Amino acid sequence: MIINTTSLRSAFIGFNAAFQAGLATTTSMYGRIATTVPSTTKEQEYGWLGQFPGFREWIGDRVVNGLASHGYTLKNKSYENTIGVNRDDFDDDNLGIYAPMFQQLGATATNFPDTLIWALLKNGFTSKCYDGQFFFDVDHPVLDAAGNTVSVANTDGGSGTAWFLMDVSQPLKPIIFQSRKPFTNLVRMDKEDDQNVFDKKEYRYGLDGRCSAGFGFWQMAWGSKQPLDATHYEAARVALSSMKADYGQPLAIQPKLLVVPSTLEGAARRLIGNQLNPDGGTNEWFGTAEVLVVPWLN
């Protein structure tokens, strides 16, 4: 192959086509539990997470729902992925070997938010959310009907493999994916006077983006490391369904998504998918939730 502006541009068009194909044909899972929030600045403030606005009878002056005192900020981070193509492969017209690599780059770009979101969920037992407590904790502070602070749990502890029950039907899901710059634009360094070409006879094609991940409302998710059985599943459903905002306002949480790693898929499907329980009686939990098996939780 004769290396010139035309051949380099033609090669880039092919690489970019493979990359775009990888973007288009790959399916992500993070959107099931995470709301994507566009970001236009270095960081975003989520102080409003501390308050569920509710309606009240209008007697006297309005009661204004402002930002809560919680300071919860997500700072965008930069990420990159770069592929180097040896000039000898241009000389030898051997560029076909790179097509799968660029397609995989597209797939990796689509799935990158999954690596952030599911890792965050898995670490929710030791990572703090907007109220300063761990996302899955036993002492989230909430005001009861009388205005007194009480502790509310969204976990029952345990030491086994973690599983999660969630309500993902609300506008804001339990997890936030903050998108500042999407991973969709493949750029190139393939001029003969580029430093990498001159020094290392290597053409470079890269991708970068900016984003962040954080916790939304803890009231919409239950995390457990107890055995995934009828007893603990019932406890999780009752606790989530009973969640209230400040001053005793019911939140009407509907826990209908059971998230598990591959190692708990069998237990989850036996619990949710069988019409009969192990004793042959009616399984009252049949069909009460969708089972979502997430490989990033393994």
Protein backbone atom coordinates (compact mmCIF):
# COMPACT_ATOMS: atom_id res chain seq x y z
CA MET A 1 0.00 0.00 0.00
CA ILE A 2 1.22 3.48 -0.83
CA ILE A 3 0.96 5.58 2.30
CA ASN A 4 -0.41 9.03 1.56
CA THR A 5 -3.20 11.34 2.68
CA THR A 6 -5.76 9.45 0.63
CA SER A 7 -4.85 5.97 1.90
CA LEU A 8 -4.64 7.18 5.50
CA ARG A 9 -8.06 8.79 5.24
CA SER A 10 -9.48 5.65 3.66
CA ALA A 11 -8.05 3.53 6.47
CA PHE A 12 -9.55 5.85 9.08
CA ILE A 13 -12.96 5.63 7.43
CA GLY A 14 -12.76 1.84 7.69
CA PHE A 15 -11.59 1.90 11.29
CA ASN A 16 -14.34 4.36 12.23
CA ALA A 17 -16.98 2.25 10.49
CA ALA A 18 -15.91 -0.78 12.55
CA PHE A 19 -15.95 1.36 15.70
CA GLN A 20 -19.44 2.68 14.97
CA ALA A 21 -20.64 -0.86 14.29
CA GLY A 22 -19.39 -1.87 17.72
CA LEU A 23 -21.24 1.05 19.28
CA ALA A 24 -24.47 0.20 17.49
CA THR A 25 -24.56 -3.55 18.03
CA THR A 26 -23.61 -3.69 21.71
CA THR A 27 -26.23 -3.61 24.44
CA SER A 28 -25.61 -2.04 27.84
CA MET A 29 -27.43 -2.86 31.09
CA TYR A 30 -26.72 0.11 33.33
CA GLY A 31 -29.80 1.99 32.15
CA ARG A 32 -32.03 -0.46 33.99
CA ILE A 33 -30.99 0.97 37.36
CA ALA A 34 -29.37 4.30 36.47
CA THR A 35 -30.79 7.58 35.24
CA THR A 36 -28.52 9.39 32.78
CA VAL A 37 -28.15 13.04 33.77
CA PRO A 38 -26.52 15.39 31.21
CA SER A 39 -23.73 17.53 32.61
CA THR A 40 -22.40 20.80 31.21
CA THR A 41 -19.87 21.69 33.91
CA LYS A 42 -16.92 20.18 35.74
CA GLU A 43 -19.20 18.92 38.51
CA GLN A 44 -22.87 18.74 39.37
CA GLU A 45 -24.55 19.43 42.72
CA TYR A 46 -27.34 17.10 43.84
CA GLY A 47 -28.41 18.75 47.07
CA TRP A 48 -32.07 18.25 46.11
CA LEU A 49 -31.68 14.51 46.65
CA GLY A 50 -32.43 15.11 50.32
CA GLN A 51 -36.03 16.06 49.70
CA PHE A 52 -39.09 14.40 48.19
CA PRO A 53 -41.51 17.25 47.33
CA GLY A 54 -45.09 16.37 48.23
CA PHE A 55 -48.45 18.09 47.86
CA ARG A 56 -50.23 19.62 50.86
CA GLU A 57 -53.52 21.40 51.35
CA TRP A 58 -53.01 25.10 50.62
CA ILE A 59 -53.80 26.80 53.89
CA GLY A 60 -52.05 30.07 54.52
CA ASP A 61 -48.75 30.74 52.74
CA ARG A 62 -47.07 28.27 50.41
CA VAL A 63 -44.41 25.94 51.86
CA VAL A 64 -41.45 26.15 49.50
CA ASN A 65 -39.52 22.97 48.68
CA GLY A 66 -35.95 24.19 48.38
CA LEU A 67 -32.65 22.38 48.19
CA ALA A 68 -31.92 20.32 51.25
CA SER A 69 -28.82 20.98 53.28
CA HIS A 70 -27.12 17.87 51.91
CA GLY A 71 -24.08 18.66 49.79
CA TYR A 72 -23.72 15.82 47.31
CA THR A 73 -21.54 16.56 44.29
CA LEU A 74 -20.45 14.35 41.40
CA LYS A 75 -17.24 15.41 39.71
CA ASN A 76 -16.70 14.36 36.12
CA LYS A 77 -13.62 12.27 35.39
CA SER A 78 -11.80 11.81 32.09
CA TYR A 79 -11.27 8.38 30.52
CA GLU A 80 -9.50 7.30 27.32
CA ASN A 81 -8.81 4.27 25.14
CA THR A 82 -6.22 4.27 22.34
CA ILE A 83 -5.27 1.84 19.58
CA GLY A 84 -1.88 1.92 17.85
CA VAL A 85 -1.48 0.69 14.25
CA ASN A 86 2.04 -0.17 13.11
CA ARG A 87 3.13 1.48 9.86
CA ASP A 88 4.43 -1.86 8.63
CA ASP A 89 0.84 -3.08 8.53
CA PHE A 90 0.02 -0.18 6.19
CA ASP A 91 3.01 -1.04 4.02
CA ASP A 92 1.96 -4.69 3.88
CA ASP A 93 -1.73 -3.89 3.32
CA ASN A 94 -2.54 -5.85 6.47
CA LEU A 95 -5.15 -3.55 7.99
CA GLY A 96 -7.95 -6.12 8.02
CA ILE A 97 -6.64 -7.54 11.28
CA TYR A 98 -7.56 -4.29 13.03
CA ALA A 99 -11.27 -4.27 12.16
CA PRO A 100 -12.28 -6.56 15.07
CA MET A 101 -10.17 -4.45 17.42
CA PHE A 102 -11.94 -1.23 16.45
CA GLN A 103 -15.31 -2.94 16.65
CA GLN A 104 -14.40 -4.11 20.14
CA LEU A 105 -13.41 -0.53 20.97
CA GLY A 106 -16.96 0.50 20.10
CA ALA A 107 -18.41 -2.28 22.23
CA THR A 108 -16.16 -1.30 25.12
CA ALA A 109 -17.29 2.32 24.81
CA THR A 110 -20.94 1.27 25.01
CA ASN A 111 -20.31 -0.92 28.05
CA PHE A 112 -17.98 1.42 29.90
CA PRO A 113 -20.79 3.00 31.97
CA ASP A 114 -21.70 -0.55 33.06
CA THR A 115 -18.27 -0.96 34.63
CA LEU A 116 -18.85 2.21 36.67
CA ILE A 117 -22.50 1.71 37.61
CA TRP A 118 -22.41 -1.93 38.68
CA ALA A 119 -19.16 -1.50 40.61
CA LEU A 120 -20.75 1.43 42.44
CA LEU A 121 -23.81 -0.63 43.31
CA LYS A 122 -21.66 -3.51 44.54
CA ASN A 123 -19.71 -1.11 46.77
CA GLY A 124 -22.87 0.53 48.11
CA PHE A 125 -22.38 -1.18 51.47
CA THR A 126 -19.21 0.85 52.06
CA SER A 127 -19.73 4.00 49.92
CA LYS A 128 -21.63 7.06 51.12
CA CYS A 129 -24.64 8.67 49.48
CA TYR A 130 -26.19 12.14 49.80
CA ASP A 131 -27.13 11.86 53.51
CA GLY A 132 -23.60 10.94 54.60
CA GLN A 133 -24.48 7.31 55.32
CA PHE A 134 -23.48 4.29 53.30
CA PHE A 135 -25.94 3.82 50.42
CA PHE A 136 -26.99 0.49 51.96
CA ASP A 137 -27.16 1.19 55.67
CA VAL A 138 -29.29 0.63 58.76
CA ASP A 139 -29.39 4.22 60.04
CA HIS A 140 -30.44 6.62 57.31
CA PRO A 141 -31.88 9.68 59.10
CA VAL A 142 -35.52 10.45 58.28
CA LEU A 143 -38.06 12.71 60.04
CA ASP A 144 -41.14 10.91 61.31
CA ALA A 145 -44.67 12.35 61.31
CA ALA A 146 -43.87 14.35 64.44
CA GLY A 147 -40.67 15.79 63.02
CA ASN A 148 -38.34 13.60 65.07
CA THR A 149 -35.27 12.01 63.47
CA VAL A 150 -35.49 8.21 63.22
CA SER A 151 -33.18 5.65 61.64
CA VAL A 152 -34.34 3.73 58.57
CA ALA A 153 -32.63 0.72 57.01
CA ASN A 154 -32.34 -0.38 53.39
CA THR A 155 -30.23 -3.44 54.16
CA ASP A 156 -30.36 -6.42 56.49
CA GLY A 157 -26.62 -7.05 56.48
CA GLY A 158 -25.18 -10.51 56.03
CA SER A 159 -21.82 -11.80 54.80
CA GLY A 160 -22.69 -13.73 51.65
CA THR A 161 -23.04 -12.78 48.00
CA ALA A 162 -24.90 -9.50 47.56
CA TRP A 163 -28.30 -9.23 45.83
CA PHE A 164 -30.50 -6.21 45.30
CA LEU A 165 -34.22 -5.45 45.11
CA MET A 166 -35.24 -2.16 43.49
CA ASP A 167 -37.93 0.15 42.27
CA VAL A 168 -36.73 1.44 38.89
CA SER A 169 -40.05 2.91 37.75
CA GLN A 170 -39.40 6.44 39.02
CA PRO A 171 -37.98 9.32 36.92
CA LEU A 172 -34.81 9.17 39.02
CA LYS A 173 -33.55 5.62 39.47
CA PRO A 174 -31.42 4.44 42.42
CA ILE A 175 -28.14 5.21 40.60
CA ILE A 176 -27.07 8.29 38.62
CA PHE A 177 -24.90 8.18 35.49
CA GLN A 178 -23.63 11.68 34.83
CA SER A 179 -22.61 12.21 31.21
CA ARG A 180 -20.36 15.16 30.36
CA LYS A 181 -18.72 14.01 27.09
CA PRO A 182 -19.94 10.76 25.48
CA PHE A 183 -17.53 8.13 24.17
CA THR A 184 -18.59 8.39 20.54
CA ASN A 185 -15.95 10.38 18.65
CA LEU A 186 -12.93 8.48 17.30
CA VAL A 187 -9.96 10.79 16.61
CA ARG A 188 -6.66 10.11 14.83
CA MET A 189 -2.97 11.00 14.89
CA ASP A 190 -1.77 9.76 11.51
CA LYS A 191 0.27 12.57 9.97
CA GLU A 192 3.79 11.69 8.97
CA ASP A 193 5.16 14.50 11.14
CA ASP A 194 3.21 13.44 14.25
CA GLN A 195 5.65 12.55 17.04
CA ASN A 196 4.31 9.03 17.43
CA VAL A 197 4.65 8.33 13.69
CA PHE A 198 8.14 9.82 13.42
CA ASP A 199 9.56 8.17 16.55
CA LYS A 200 7.65 4.86 16.67
CA LYS A 201 6.20 4.46 13.15
CA GLU A 202 2.82 4.10 14.84
CA TYR A 203 -0.49 5.63 13.84
CA ARG A 204 -2.79 6.23 16.80
CA TYR A 205 -6.58 6.27 17.02
CA GLY A 206 -8.17 7.26 20.27
CA LEU A 207 -11.39 7.77 22.11
CA ASP A 208 -12.06 9.77 25.24
CA GLY A 209 -14.95 10.98 27.33
CA ARG A 210 -15.94 12.48 30.66
CA CYS A 211 -18.52 11.19 33.08
CA SER A 212 -19.25 10.19 36.66
CA ALA A 213 -21.48 7.85 38.62
CA GLY A 214 -23.19 8.32 41.96
CA PHE A 215 -26.08 7.31 44.17
CA GLY A 216 -29.64 8.55 43.84
CA PHE A 217 -32.41 7.82 46.34
CA TRP A 218 -31.45 5.03 48.75
CA GLN A 219 -35.17 4.54 49.51
CA MET A 220 -35.59 2.81 46.12
CA ALA A 221 -33.06 0.03 46.65
CA TRP A 222 -32.49 -2.77 49.13
CA GLY A 223 -29.11 -4.44 49.34
CA SER A 224 -28.63 -7.73 51.13
CA LYS A 225 -25.84 -10.22 51.74
CA GLN A 226 -28.21 -12.63 53.46
CA PRO A 227 -29.26 -15.87 51.70
CA LEU A 228 -31.58 -15.21 48.78
CA ASP A 229 -34.61 -17.08 50.10
CA ALA A 230 -38.30 -16.41 50.70
CA THR A 231 -37.76 -15.07 54.22
CA HIS A 232 -35.19 -12.44 53.30
CA TYR A 233 -36.91 -11.58 50.02
CA GLU A 234 -40.15 -10.91 51.89
CA ALA A 235 -38.32 -8.74 54.41
CA ALA A 236 -36.82 -6.70 51.58
CA ARG A 237 -40.19 -6.21 49.86
CA VAL A 238 -41.93 -5.18 53.06
CA ALA A 239 -39.18 -2.73 54.00
CA LEU A 240 -39.06 -1.06 50.59
CA SER A 241 -42.83 -0.89 50.23
CA SER A 242 -43.02 0.77 53.65
CA MET A 243 -40.50 3.52 52.87
CA LYS A 244 -41.60 7.05 53.76
CA ALA A 245 -40.24 10.50 53.09
CA ASP A 246 -39.86 13.11 55.82
CA TYR A 247 -42.92 13.69 58.01
CA GLY A 248 -44.35 10.26 57.29
CA GLN A 249 -45.25 10.76 53.62
CA PRO A 250 -45.58 7.31 51.96
CA LEU A 251 -43.35 6.91 48.91
CA ALA A 252 -45.35 4.07 47.29
CA ILE A 253 -42.18 2.19 46.36
CA GLN A 254 -42.81 -0.75 44.02
CA PRO A 255 -39.92 -3.23 44.26
CA LYS A 256 -40.13 -5.12 40.98
CA LEU A 257 -36.52 -5.68 39.89
CA LEU A 258 -34.34 -8.32 41.54
CA VAL A 259 -30.69 -7.81 40.57
CA VAL A 260 -28.27 -10.69 41.08
CA PRO A 261 -24.83 -11.86 39.94
CA SER A 262 -24.59 -15.05 37.88
CA THR A 263 -23.87 -17.11 40.97
CA LEU A 264 -27.32 -16.33 42.38
CA GLU A 265 -29.29 -16.73 39.16
CA GLY A 266 -30.54 -20.19 40.12
CA ALA A 267 -31.72 -19.07 43.55
CA ALA A 268 -33.41 -16.00 42.08
CA ARG A 269 -35.28 -17.95 39.40
CA ARG A 270 -36.39 -20.62 41.85
CA LEU A 271 -37.70 -17.91 44.15
CA ILE A 272 -39.43 -15.82 41.49
CA GLY A 273 -39.99 -18.18 38.58
CA ASN A 274 -41.47 -21.31 40.21
CA GLN A 275 -45.20 -21.43 40.84
CA LEU A 276 -44.67 -23.97 43.63
CA ASN A 277 -42.40 -23.69 46.63
CA PRO A 278 -39.94 -26.48 47.60
CA ASP A 279 -42.65 -28.12 49.75
CA GLY A 280 -45.09 -28.30 46.86
CA GLY A 281 -47.31 -25.47 48.07
CA THR A 282 -48.13 -22.25 46.27
CA ASN A 283 -45.19 -19.90 45.90
CA GLU A 284 -46.61 -16.51 46.86
CA TRP A 285 -43.57 -14.74 45.37
CA PHE A 286 -44.02 -16.17 41.87
CA GLY A 287 -43.73 -13.40 39.28
CA THR A 288 -43.47 -10.59 41.83
CA ALA A 289 -40.26 -9.24 40.31
CA GLU A 290 -38.14 -9.41 37.19
CA VAL A 291 -34.79 -11.16 37.59
CA LEU A 292 -31.85 -9.25 36.10
CA VAL A 293 -28.61 -11.23 35.99
CA VAL A 294 -25.61 -8.89 35.82
CA PRO A 295 -22.16 -10.32 34.94
CA TRP A 296 -20.41 -7.17 36.23
CA LEU A 297 -21.53 -8.14 39.76
CA ASN A 298 -19.61 -11.44 39.70
